[in-house]
N, C-alpha and C. Protein backbone atom coordinates (compact mmCIF):
# COMPACT_ATOMS: atom_id res chain seq x y z
N MET A 1 120.19 124.73 54.00
CA MET A 1 118.93 125.45 54.10
C MET A 1 118.29 125.10 55.45
N THR A 2 117.79 126.09 56.10
CA THR A 2 117.15 125.91 57.39
C THR A 2 115.72 125.42 57.21
N THR A 3 115.37 124.39 57.99
CA THR A 3 113.99 123.91 58.00
C THR A 3 113.48 124.02 59.43
N TYR A 4 112.17 124.04 59.56
CA TYR A 4 111.54 124.23 60.86
C TYR A 4 110.61 123.05 61.14
N PRO A 5 110.90 122.21 62.14
CA PRO A 5 110.04 121.06 62.44
C PRO A 5 108.67 121.50 62.96
N GLU A 6 107.66 120.79 62.53
CA GLU A 6 106.29 121.14 62.91
C GLU A 6 106.05 121.12 64.42
N PRO A 7 106.59 120.14 65.18
CA PRO A 7 106.36 120.19 66.63
C PRO A 7 106.95 121.45 67.27
N MET A 8 108.12 121.90 66.80
CA MET A 8 108.72 123.12 67.33
C MET A 8 107.85 124.33 66.99
N VAL A 9 107.37 124.38 65.74
CA VAL A 9 106.53 125.50 65.31
C VAL A 9 105.27 125.56 66.17
N ALA A 10 104.64 124.40 66.39
CA ALA A 10 103.42 124.36 67.21
C ALA A 10 103.70 124.84 68.62
N ARG A 11 104.81 124.41 69.19
CA ARG A 11 105.14 124.78 70.56
C ARG A 11 105.44 126.28 70.66
N VAL A 12 106.17 126.81 69.70
CA VAL A 12 106.56 128.23 69.77
C VAL A 12 105.37 129.15 69.57
N ILE A 13 104.51 128.84 68.60
CA ILE A 13 103.39 129.76 68.35
C ILE A 13 102.21 129.48 69.25
N GLY A 14 102.21 128.33 69.95
CA GLY A 14 101.16 128.06 70.93
C GLY A 14 99.84 127.63 70.32
N ILE A 15 99.89 126.99 69.16
CA ILE A 15 98.68 126.52 68.51
C ILE A 15 98.79 125.00 68.39
N PRO A 16 97.71 124.26 68.65
CA PRO A 16 97.78 122.80 68.57
C PRO A 16 98.28 122.30 67.21
N LYS A 17 99.07 121.23 67.26
CA LYS A 17 99.66 120.69 66.05
C LYS A 17 98.59 120.21 65.07
N THR A 18 97.45 119.74 65.58
CA THR A 18 96.38 119.26 64.70
C THR A 18 95.82 120.40 63.84
N ARG A 19 95.70 121.57 64.45
CA ARG A 19 95.20 122.73 63.69
C ARG A 19 96.21 123.16 62.63
N ILE A 20 97.50 123.11 62.99
CA ILE A 20 98.54 123.46 62.03
C ILE A 20 98.57 122.45 60.88
N ALA A 21 98.43 121.16 61.21
CA ALA A 21 98.43 120.12 60.18
C ALA A 21 97.25 120.29 59.23
N LYS A 22 96.10 120.65 59.77
CA LYS A 22 94.92 120.86 58.93
C LYS A 22 95.15 122.02 57.96
N LEU A 23 95.68 123.12 58.46
CA LEU A 23 95.95 124.27 57.59
C LEU A 23 97.03 123.93 56.57
N ARG A 24 98.03 123.15 56.96
CA ARG A 24 99.10 122.75 56.03
C ARG A 24 98.52 121.95 54.88
N LYS A 25 97.60 121.02 55.19
CA LYS A 25 97.00 120.19 54.14
C LYS A 25 96.14 121.01 53.19
N GLU A 26 95.51 122.08 53.71
CA GLU A 26 94.63 122.91 52.90
C GLU A 26 95.39 123.89 52.02
N THR A 27 96.50 124.46 52.53
CA THR A 27 97.11 125.59 51.82
C THR A 27 98.52 125.35 51.27
N LEU A 28 99.27 124.40 51.79
CA LEU A 28 100.66 124.26 51.39
C LEU A 28 100.87 123.06 50.47
N THR A 29 101.92 123.12 49.67
CA THR A 29 102.28 122.02 48.79
C THR A 29 103.52 121.32 49.33
N ARG A 30 103.57 120.00 49.12
CA ARG A 30 104.64 119.23 49.76
C ARG A 30 106.04 119.50 49.22
N PRO A 31 106.34 119.41 47.96
CA PRO A 31 107.76 119.55 47.62
C PRO A 31 108.31 120.95 47.84
N GLY A 32 107.50 121.98 47.79
CA GLY A 32 108.03 123.34 47.89
C GLY A 32 107.95 123.96 49.26
N ASP A 33 106.83 123.79 49.95
CA ASP A 33 106.62 124.47 51.22
C ASP A 33 107.03 123.64 52.43
N TRP A 34 106.91 122.34 52.32
CA TRP A 34 107.26 121.47 53.44
C TRP A 34 107.74 120.14 52.91
N ASP A 35 108.41 119.37 53.77
CA ASP A 35 108.87 118.05 53.40
C ASP A 35 108.89 117.16 54.63
N LEU A 36 108.89 115.87 54.41
CA LEU A 36 108.91 114.91 55.50
C LEU A 36 110.36 114.42 55.67
N ILE A 37 110.93 114.69 56.85
CA ILE A 37 112.30 114.28 57.15
C ILE A 37 112.25 113.40 58.39
N LYS A 38 112.63 112.14 58.24
CA LYS A 38 112.61 111.17 59.34
C LYS A 38 111.26 111.17 60.06
N HIS A 39 110.19 111.09 59.29
CA HIS A 39 108.81 110.99 59.80
C HIS A 39 108.35 112.24 60.54
N VAL A 40 109.01 113.36 60.33
CA VAL A 40 108.60 114.62 60.96
C VAL A 40 108.45 115.67 59.86
N VAL A 41 107.36 116.41 59.90
CA VAL A 41 107.13 117.47 58.92
C VAL A 41 108.07 118.63 59.22
N HIS A 42 108.81 119.07 58.19
CA HIS A 42 109.71 120.21 58.30
C HIS A 42 109.27 121.25 57.28
N TYR A 43 109.09 122.48 57.74
CA TYR A 43 108.67 123.57 56.86
C TYR A 43 109.89 124.28 56.30
N GLN A 44 109.80 124.66 55.02
CA GLN A 44 110.78 125.56 54.44
C GLN A 44 110.40 126.97 54.87
N LYS A 45 111.29 127.91 54.67
CA LYS A 45 111.03 129.28 55.12
C LYS A 45 109.76 129.84 54.48
N GLU A 46 109.63 129.64 53.16
CA GLU A 46 108.45 130.18 52.45
C GLU A 46 107.17 129.51 52.95
N GLY A 47 107.22 128.21 53.17
CA GLY A 47 106.06 127.49 53.67
C GLY A 47 105.66 127.95 55.06
N LEU A 48 106.66 128.21 55.90
CA LEU A 48 106.37 128.69 57.25
C LEU A 48 105.73 130.07 57.20
N GLU A 49 106.21 130.93 56.31
CA GLU A 49 105.61 132.26 56.18
C GLU A 49 104.16 132.15 55.72
N LYS A 50 103.89 131.26 54.75
CA LYS A 50 102.51 131.07 54.28
C LYS A 50 101.63 130.53 55.41
N LEU A 51 102.17 129.60 56.18
CA LEU A 51 101.41 129.01 57.29
C LEU A 51 101.07 130.07 58.33
N LEU A 52 102.06 130.87 58.70
CA LEU A 52 101.81 131.92 59.70
C LEU A 52 100.83 132.96 59.17
N GLU A 53 100.92 133.26 57.88
CA GLU A 53 99.98 134.20 57.28
C GLU A 53 98.57 133.63 57.31
N GLY A 54 98.43 132.32 57.04
CA GLY A 54 97.13 131.67 57.10
C GLY A 54 96.54 131.66 58.51
N LEU A 55 97.42 131.64 59.51
CA LEU A 55 96.96 131.68 60.91
C LEU A 55 96.74 133.11 61.40
N GLY A 56 97.12 134.10 60.57
CA GLY A 56 96.95 135.49 60.97
C GLY A 56 98.06 136.00 61.87
N LEU A 57 99.25 135.40 61.76
CA LEU A 57 100.38 135.79 62.59
C LEU A 57 101.47 136.41 61.72
N ASP A 58 102.28 137.26 62.32
CA ASP A 58 103.37 137.91 61.61
C ASP A 58 104.65 137.11 61.81
N ALA A 59 105.30 136.70 60.73
CA ALA A 59 106.50 135.87 60.80
C ALA A 59 107.66 136.60 61.46
N GLU A 60 107.75 137.91 61.31
CA GLU A 60 108.87 138.67 61.86
C GLU A 60 108.86 138.70 63.39
N VAL A 61 107.68 138.54 63.99
CA VAL A 61 107.57 138.56 65.44
C VAL A 61 108.35 137.40 66.05
N PHE A 62 108.37 136.26 65.37
CA PHE A 62 109.01 135.07 65.91
C PHE A 62 110.51 135.04 65.67
N GLY A 63 111.03 135.88 64.82
CA GLY A 63 112.47 135.94 64.59
C GLY A 63 112.99 134.72 63.87
N TRP A 64 112.15 134.08 63.05
CA TRP A 64 112.60 132.91 62.29
C TRP A 64 113.14 133.38 60.96
N ALA A 65 114.31 133.92 60.98
CA ALA A 65 114.94 134.39 59.76
C ALA A 65 116.33 133.81 59.69
N GLU A 66 116.88 133.80 58.51
CA GLU A 66 118.26 133.34 58.34
C GLU A 66 119.17 134.27 59.12
N PRO A 67 120.32 133.79 59.62
CA PRO A 67 121.22 134.64 60.41
C PRO A 67 121.63 135.92 59.69
N GLY A 68 121.91 135.86 58.42
CA GLY A 68 122.30 137.06 57.68
C GLY A 68 121.16 138.04 57.52
N GLU A 69 119.96 137.50 57.33
CA GLU A 69 118.79 138.36 57.16
C GLU A 69 118.45 139.11 58.44
N ALA A 70 118.62 138.45 59.58
CA ALA A 70 118.30 139.10 60.85
C ALA A 70 119.18 140.32 61.06
N LYS A 71 120.46 140.20 60.72
CA LYS A 71 121.36 141.34 60.88
C LYS A 71 121.02 142.44 59.90
N ALA A 72 120.66 142.05 58.66
CA ALA A 72 120.34 143.05 57.66
C ALA A 72 119.07 143.81 58.03
N LYS A 73 118.07 143.10 58.55
CA LYS A 73 116.82 143.76 58.94
C LYS A 73 117.00 144.59 60.20
N ALA A 74 117.85 144.12 61.11
CA ALA A 74 118.02 144.80 62.39
C ALA A 74 118.78 146.10 62.24
N ALA A 75 119.71 146.15 61.31
CA ALA A 75 120.53 147.34 61.13
C ALA A 75 120.26 147.97 59.77
N PRO A 76 119.26 148.85 59.68
CA PRO A 76 118.99 149.49 58.40
C PRO A 76 120.16 150.40 58.03
N LYS A 77 120.40 150.50 56.73
CA LYS A 77 121.51 151.32 56.27
C LYS A 77 121.17 152.79 56.47
N ALA A 78 122.06 153.47 57.14
CA ALA A 78 121.86 154.89 57.40
C ALA A 78 123.12 155.63 56.95
N GLU A 79 122.95 156.90 56.76
CA GLU A 79 124.10 157.70 56.37
C GLU A 79 125.06 157.78 57.53
N PRO A 80 126.36 157.73 57.24
CA PRO A 80 127.32 157.77 58.35
C PRO A 80 127.27 159.11 59.07
N ALA A 81 127.23 159.02 60.37
CA ALA A 81 127.21 160.22 61.20
C ALA A 81 128.57 160.36 61.86
N GLU A 82 128.79 161.50 62.46
CA GLU A 82 130.07 161.70 63.13
C GLU A 82 130.17 160.75 64.31
N ALA A 83 131.28 160.06 64.37
CA ALA A 83 131.49 159.10 65.45
C ALA A 83 131.91 159.84 66.71
N THR A 84 131.28 159.46 67.81
CA THR A 84 131.67 160.05 69.09
C THR A 84 132.61 159.08 69.78
N PRO A 85 133.76 159.57 70.22
CA PRO A 85 134.70 158.65 70.86
C PRO A 85 134.15 158.16 72.20
N ALA A 86 134.29 156.85 72.42
CA ALA A 86 133.83 156.26 73.68
C ALA A 86 134.92 156.39 74.72
N ALA A 87 134.51 156.46 75.96
CA ALA A 87 135.48 156.54 77.04
C ALA A 87 136.30 155.25 77.05
N PRO A 88 137.61 155.31 77.25
CA PRO A 88 138.43 154.12 77.16
C PRO A 88 138.12 153.07 78.23
N ASN A 89 137.69 153.46 79.40
CA ASN A 89 137.41 152.51 80.48
C ASN A 89 135.94 152.15 80.58
N GLU A 90 135.14 152.62 79.64
CA GLU A 90 133.71 152.38 79.70
C GLU A 90 133.39 150.98 79.19
N ALA A 91 132.70 150.18 79.99
CA ALA A 91 132.33 148.82 79.61
C ALA A 91 130.96 148.85 78.96
N PRO A 92 130.68 147.90 78.05
CA PRO A 92 129.36 147.86 77.45
C PRO A 92 128.31 147.52 78.50
N ALA A 93 127.10 147.98 78.26
CA ALA A 93 126.01 147.73 79.21
C ALA A 93 125.70 146.24 79.25
N PRO A 94 125.52 145.68 80.44
CA PRO A 94 125.22 144.26 80.53
C PRO A 94 123.82 143.96 80.01
N GLU A 95 123.67 142.76 79.43
CA GLU A 95 122.36 142.35 78.94
C GLU A 95 121.50 141.94 80.13
N LYS A 96 120.25 142.35 80.09
CA LYS A 96 119.38 142.04 81.22
C LYS A 96 118.56 140.79 80.98
N ASN A 97 118.08 140.59 79.77
CA ASN A 97 117.24 139.43 79.47
C ASN A 97 118.01 138.48 78.57
N PHE A 98 118.36 137.32 79.09
CA PHE A 98 119.07 136.32 78.32
C PHE A 98 118.06 135.32 77.80
N THR A 99 118.35 134.75 76.64
CA THR A 99 117.45 133.76 76.07
C THR A 99 118.24 132.53 75.68
N GLY A 100 117.59 131.40 75.70
CA GLY A 100 118.16 130.17 75.20
C GLY A 100 119.41 129.72 75.94
N ALA A 101 120.44 129.39 75.17
CA ALA A 101 121.67 128.85 75.73
C ALA A 101 122.37 129.87 76.63
N ASP A 102 122.25 131.16 76.31
CA ASP A 102 122.87 132.19 77.15
C ASP A 102 122.28 132.17 78.56
N ALA A 103 120.97 131.99 78.65
CA ALA A 103 120.31 131.96 79.97
C ALA A 103 120.78 130.76 80.77
N VAL A 104 120.89 129.62 80.11
CA VAL A 104 121.34 128.42 80.81
C VAL A 104 122.78 128.60 81.28
N ALA A 105 123.63 129.16 80.42
CA ALA A 105 125.03 129.37 80.80
C ALA A 105 125.13 130.32 81.99
N LYS A 106 124.35 131.37 82.01
CA LYS A 106 124.38 132.31 83.14
C LYS A 106 123.91 131.65 84.42
N GLN A 107 122.89 130.78 84.33
CA GLN A 107 122.41 130.09 85.52
C GLN A 107 123.47 129.13 86.05
N VAL A 108 124.19 128.46 85.13
CA VAL A 108 125.24 127.54 85.56
C VAL A 108 126.36 128.30 86.24
N GLU A 109 126.75 129.45 85.67
CA GLU A 109 127.80 130.26 86.29
C GLU A 109 127.38 130.73 87.68
N ALA A 110 126.12 131.13 87.81
CA ALA A 110 125.64 131.62 89.10
C ALA A 110 125.59 130.48 90.12
N ALA A 111 125.30 129.27 89.66
CA ALA A 111 125.18 128.14 90.58
C ALA A 111 126.51 127.46 90.84
N ASP A 112 127.59 127.97 90.26
CA ASP A 112 128.90 127.34 90.41
C ASP A 112 129.37 127.49 91.85
N ARG A 113 129.48 126.35 92.52
CA ARG A 113 129.95 126.33 93.90
C ARG A 113 131.16 125.42 93.96
N PRO A 114 132.02 125.60 94.94
CA PRO A 114 133.23 124.78 95.00
C PRO A 114 132.91 123.32 95.31
N MET A 115 133.72 122.41 94.73
CA MET A 115 133.58 120.99 95.03
C MET A 115 134.44 120.67 96.25
N ILE A 116 133.91 119.84 97.11
CA ILE A 116 134.62 119.47 98.33
C ILE A 116 134.70 117.95 98.37
N GLU A 117 135.85 117.43 98.78
CA GLU A 117 136.00 115.99 98.89
C GLU A 117 135.45 115.52 100.22
N LEU A 118 134.50 114.60 100.17
CA LEU A 118 133.86 114.06 101.36
C LEU A 118 134.25 112.59 101.52
N THR A 119 134.01 112.06 102.70
CA THR A 119 134.26 110.65 102.99
C THR A 119 132.93 109.98 103.32
N VAL A 120 132.65 108.85 102.68
CA VAL A 120 131.40 108.14 102.92
C VAL A 120 131.41 107.59 104.34
N ALA A 121 130.37 107.90 105.11
CA ALA A 121 130.24 107.41 106.47
C ALA A 121 129.41 106.12 106.49
N LYS A 122 128.23 106.17 105.86
CA LYS A 122 127.38 104.98 105.78
C LYS A 122 126.37 105.18 104.67
N LEU A 123 125.79 104.08 104.23
CA LEU A 123 124.77 104.12 103.19
C LEU A 123 123.41 104.34 103.82
N SER A 124 122.53 104.93 103.07
CA SER A 124 121.16 105.16 103.52
C SER A 124 120.27 104.06 102.98
N ARG A 125 119.13 103.88 103.58
CA ARG A 125 118.16 102.93 103.03
C ARG A 125 117.58 103.45 101.74
N ASN A 126 117.61 104.76 101.57
CA ASN A 126 117.18 105.37 100.32
C ASN A 126 118.31 105.19 99.31
N PRO A 127 118.08 104.55 98.17
CA PRO A 127 119.17 104.28 97.22
C PRO A 127 119.73 105.52 96.54
N LEU A 128 119.13 106.66 96.72
CA LEU A 128 119.61 107.89 96.09
C LEU A 128 120.38 108.79 97.05
N VAL A 129 120.57 108.36 98.28
CA VAL A 129 121.20 109.19 99.30
C VAL A 129 122.24 108.38 100.06
N LEU A 130 123.32 109.03 100.49
CA LEU A 130 124.26 108.41 101.40
C LEU A 130 124.72 109.43 102.42
N HIS A 131 125.26 108.95 103.53
CA HIS A 131 125.76 109.83 104.59
C HIS A 131 127.27 109.96 104.41
N ALA A 132 127.76 111.20 104.50
CA ALA A 132 129.19 111.44 104.34
C ALA A 132 129.64 112.46 105.38
N THR A 133 130.95 112.52 105.58
CA THR A 133 131.50 113.51 106.52
C THR A 133 132.35 114.50 105.76
N THR A 134 132.28 115.74 106.17
CA THR A 134 133.08 116.80 105.56
C THR A 134 134.48 116.77 106.16
N PRO A 135 135.44 117.50 105.58
CA PRO A 135 136.77 117.58 106.18
C PRO A 135 136.74 118.12 107.60
N GLY A 136 135.72 118.91 107.93
CA GLY A 136 135.57 119.45 109.28
C GLY A 136 134.96 118.46 110.25
N GLY A 137 134.44 117.33 109.76
CA GLY A 137 133.87 116.31 110.63
C GLY A 137 132.36 116.32 110.71
N ALA A 138 131.69 117.23 110.04
CA ALA A 138 130.23 117.29 110.08
C ALA A 138 129.65 116.22 109.16
N GLU A 139 128.57 115.57 109.60
CA GLU A 139 127.92 114.56 108.76
C GLU A 139 126.84 115.22 107.92
N VAL A 140 126.85 114.92 106.62
CA VAL A 140 125.90 115.53 105.68
C VAL A 140 125.27 114.43 104.83
N LEU A 141 124.13 114.76 104.22
CA LEU A 141 123.49 113.86 103.27
C LEU A 141 123.94 114.25 101.86
N VAL A 142 124.24 113.25 101.02
CA VAL A 142 124.69 113.50 99.66
C VAL A 142 123.76 112.76 98.71
N LYS A 143 123.25 113.47 97.70
CA LYS A 143 122.39 112.86 96.69
C LYS A 143 123.29 112.27 95.61
N VAL A 144 123.09 110.98 95.30
CA VAL A 144 123.87 110.28 94.28
C VAL A 144 122.91 109.61 93.31
N LYS A 145 123.43 109.12 92.17
CA LYS A 145 122.57 108.41 91.21
C LYS A 145 122.07 107.11 91.83
N VAL A 146 123.00 106.33 92.40
CA VAL A 146 122.64 105.11 93.10
C VAL A 146 123.77 104.80 94.08
N ASN A 147 123.41 104.40 95.30
CA ASN A 147 124.43 104.26 96.33
C ASN A 147 124.92 102.82 96.52
N ARG A 148 124.49 101.88 95.70
CA ARG A 148 124.77 100.46 95.97
C ARG A 148 126.25 100.10 95.93
N ASN A 149 127.10 100.78 95.14
CA ASN A 149 128.52 100.43 95.04
C ASN A 149 129.42 101.29 95.93
N PHE A 150 128.85 102.24 96.65
CA PHE A 150 129.65 103.03 97.59
C PHE A 150 129.88 102.20 98.85
N ARG A 151 131.03 102.38 99.48
CA ARG A 151 131.35 101.72 100.73
C ARG A 151 131.89 102.75 101.70
N ALA A 152 131.74 102.48 102.99
CA ALA A 152 132.22 103.40 104.03
C ALA A 152 133.73 103.59 103.87
N GLY A 153 134.17 104.84 103.96
CA GLY A 153 135.58 105.19 103.83
C GLY A 153 135.96 105.67 102.44
N MET A 154 135.09 105.48 101.46
CA MET A 154 135.41 105.95 100.10
C MET A 154 135.36 107.46 100.05
N LYS A 155 136.17 108.04 99.18
CA LYS A 155 136.17 109.48 98.95
C LYS A 155 135.24 109.79 97.78
N LEU A 156 134.55 110.91 97.85
CA LEU A 156 133.72 111.37 96.74
C LEU A 156 133.72 112.89 96.73
N LYS A 157 133.45 113.45 95.57
CA LYS A 157 133.39 114.91 95.45
C LYS A 157 131.93 115.32 95.36
N ALA A 158 131.62 116.40 96.07
CA ALA A 158 130.24 116.89 96.09
C ALA A 158 130.25 118.40 96.15
N LYS A 159 129.15 118.99 95.72
CA LYS A 159 128.99 120.44 95.80
C LYS A 159 128.12 120.78 96.99
N GLU A 160 128.54 121.79 97.70
CA GLU A 160 127.81 122.25 98.87
C GLU A 160 126.55 122.98 98.41
N PRO A 161 125.41 122.74 99.07
CA PRO A 161 124.19 123.45 98.67
C PRO A 161 124.25 124.92 99.06
N LYS A 162 123.44 125.73 98.39
CA LYS A 162 123.39 127.16 98.73
C LYS A 162 122.86 127.35 100.14
N ARG A 163 121.82 126.60 100.47
CA ARG A 163 121.26 126.64 101.82
C ARG A 163 121.53 125.30 102.48
N PRO A 164 121.54 125.22 103.78
CA PRO A 164 121.78 123.93 104.44
C PRO A 164 120.79 122.88 103.95
N GLY A 165 121.31 121.72 103.60
CA GLY A 165 120.45 120.66 103.09
C GLY A 165 121.27 119.56 102.46
N VAL A 166 120.76 118.99 101.40
CA VAL A 166 121.39 117.86 100.74
C VAL A 166 122.48 118.34 99.78
N TRP A 167 123.65 117.71 99.86
CA TRP A 167 124.76 117.99 98.96
C TRP A 167 124.55 117.21 97.67
N PHE A 168 125.27 117.58 96.60
CA PHE A 168 125.10 116.94 95.30
C PHE A 168 126.41 116.32 94.85
N HIS A 169 126.38 115.00 94.59
CA HIS A 169 127.56 114.27 94.14
C HIS A 169 127.95 114.74 92.74
N VAL A 170 129.25 114.88 92.51
CA VAL A 170 129.76 115.29 91.21
C VAL A 170 130.65 114.17 90.70
N GLY A 171 130.43 113.73 89.49
CA GLY A 171 131.25 112.68 88.89
C GLY A 171 130.49 111.38 88.77
N ASN A 172 131.25 110.33 88.42
CA ASN A 172 130.64 109.02 88.22
C ASN A 172 130.53 108.26 89.53
N CYS A 173 129.54 107.39 89.61
CA CYS A 173 129.41 106.49 90.74
C CYS A 173 130.37 105.32 90.53
N PRO A 174 130.73 104.61 91.61
CA PRO A 174 131.61 103.44 91.45
C PRO A 174 130.97 102.39 90.54
N ARG A 175 131.80 101.74 89.72
CA ARG A 175 131.31 100.74 88.78
C ARG A 175 131.11 99.39 89.44
N ARG A 176 131.87 99.14 90.50
CA ARG A 176 131.72 97.91 91.26
C ARG A 176 131.91 98.24 92.73
N PRO A 177 131.50 97.41 93.62
CA PRO A 177 131.52 97.76 95.03
C PRO A 177 132.91 98.18 95.54
N GLY A 178 132.99 99.42 96.00
CA GLY A 178 134.21 99.94 96.59
C GLY A 178 135.26 100.44 95.62
N HIS A 179 135.03 100.40 94.32
CA HIS A 179 136.03 100.80 93.32
C HIS A 179 135.43 101.74 92.28
N TYR A 180 136.14 102.82 92.00
CA TYR A 180 135.74 103.73 90.93
C TYR A 180 136.19 103.13 89.65
C-alpha cells in the first residue's frame, strides 16, 4: 500500500507542515487515515484525500493515485473506432516537458562529454584544484574532491567543460600518495 510522508505532502502542496499537522489533528484519525512510520507521519490515500479536501484542494490535481488508477482515469473507455494505419516510418512525437527522473536522465545525456586522460603537472594551493596537461600539451585546471594524494606525472580522467574553464575529474581520487 502506498503511503505519503507528511514532509513530502507539505513540500508538494506548498503549505507549511505546522498547518497540515494542525488540520490532521482536528480531522483525521490515526489508525485509518495516517500512521507513524520511523517517527514520520505517513498518510494513507483516504487520509490524504480528506486532508486535501479540508484544505480546499483537489486531490486529482496532484496526481497522487495508484499506478493502475491513473491509467484507468486517464483513458476512459470509449467505443472502438476505425483504426487508421500509421505511416511505417513515422516516429512518435517527442515529449517536450520531462518530469522527475526523466528530466534528470535527459540532462545527463545532454551533458555527456568525452573523458580525456590528463597528466598531473602540479598541485594547487587550493585543495580542490590541480594543474594538469592535456595530450596536446595545454595546461588546464581540474576540479577534484581533494588533491592531497595526487602527484606530478599521475594520469587521471577528466571531462572537458562545455566552455573554456575548469575540467571535472571523473573517478576516485588516489587512496594514498601517488597510488590509486
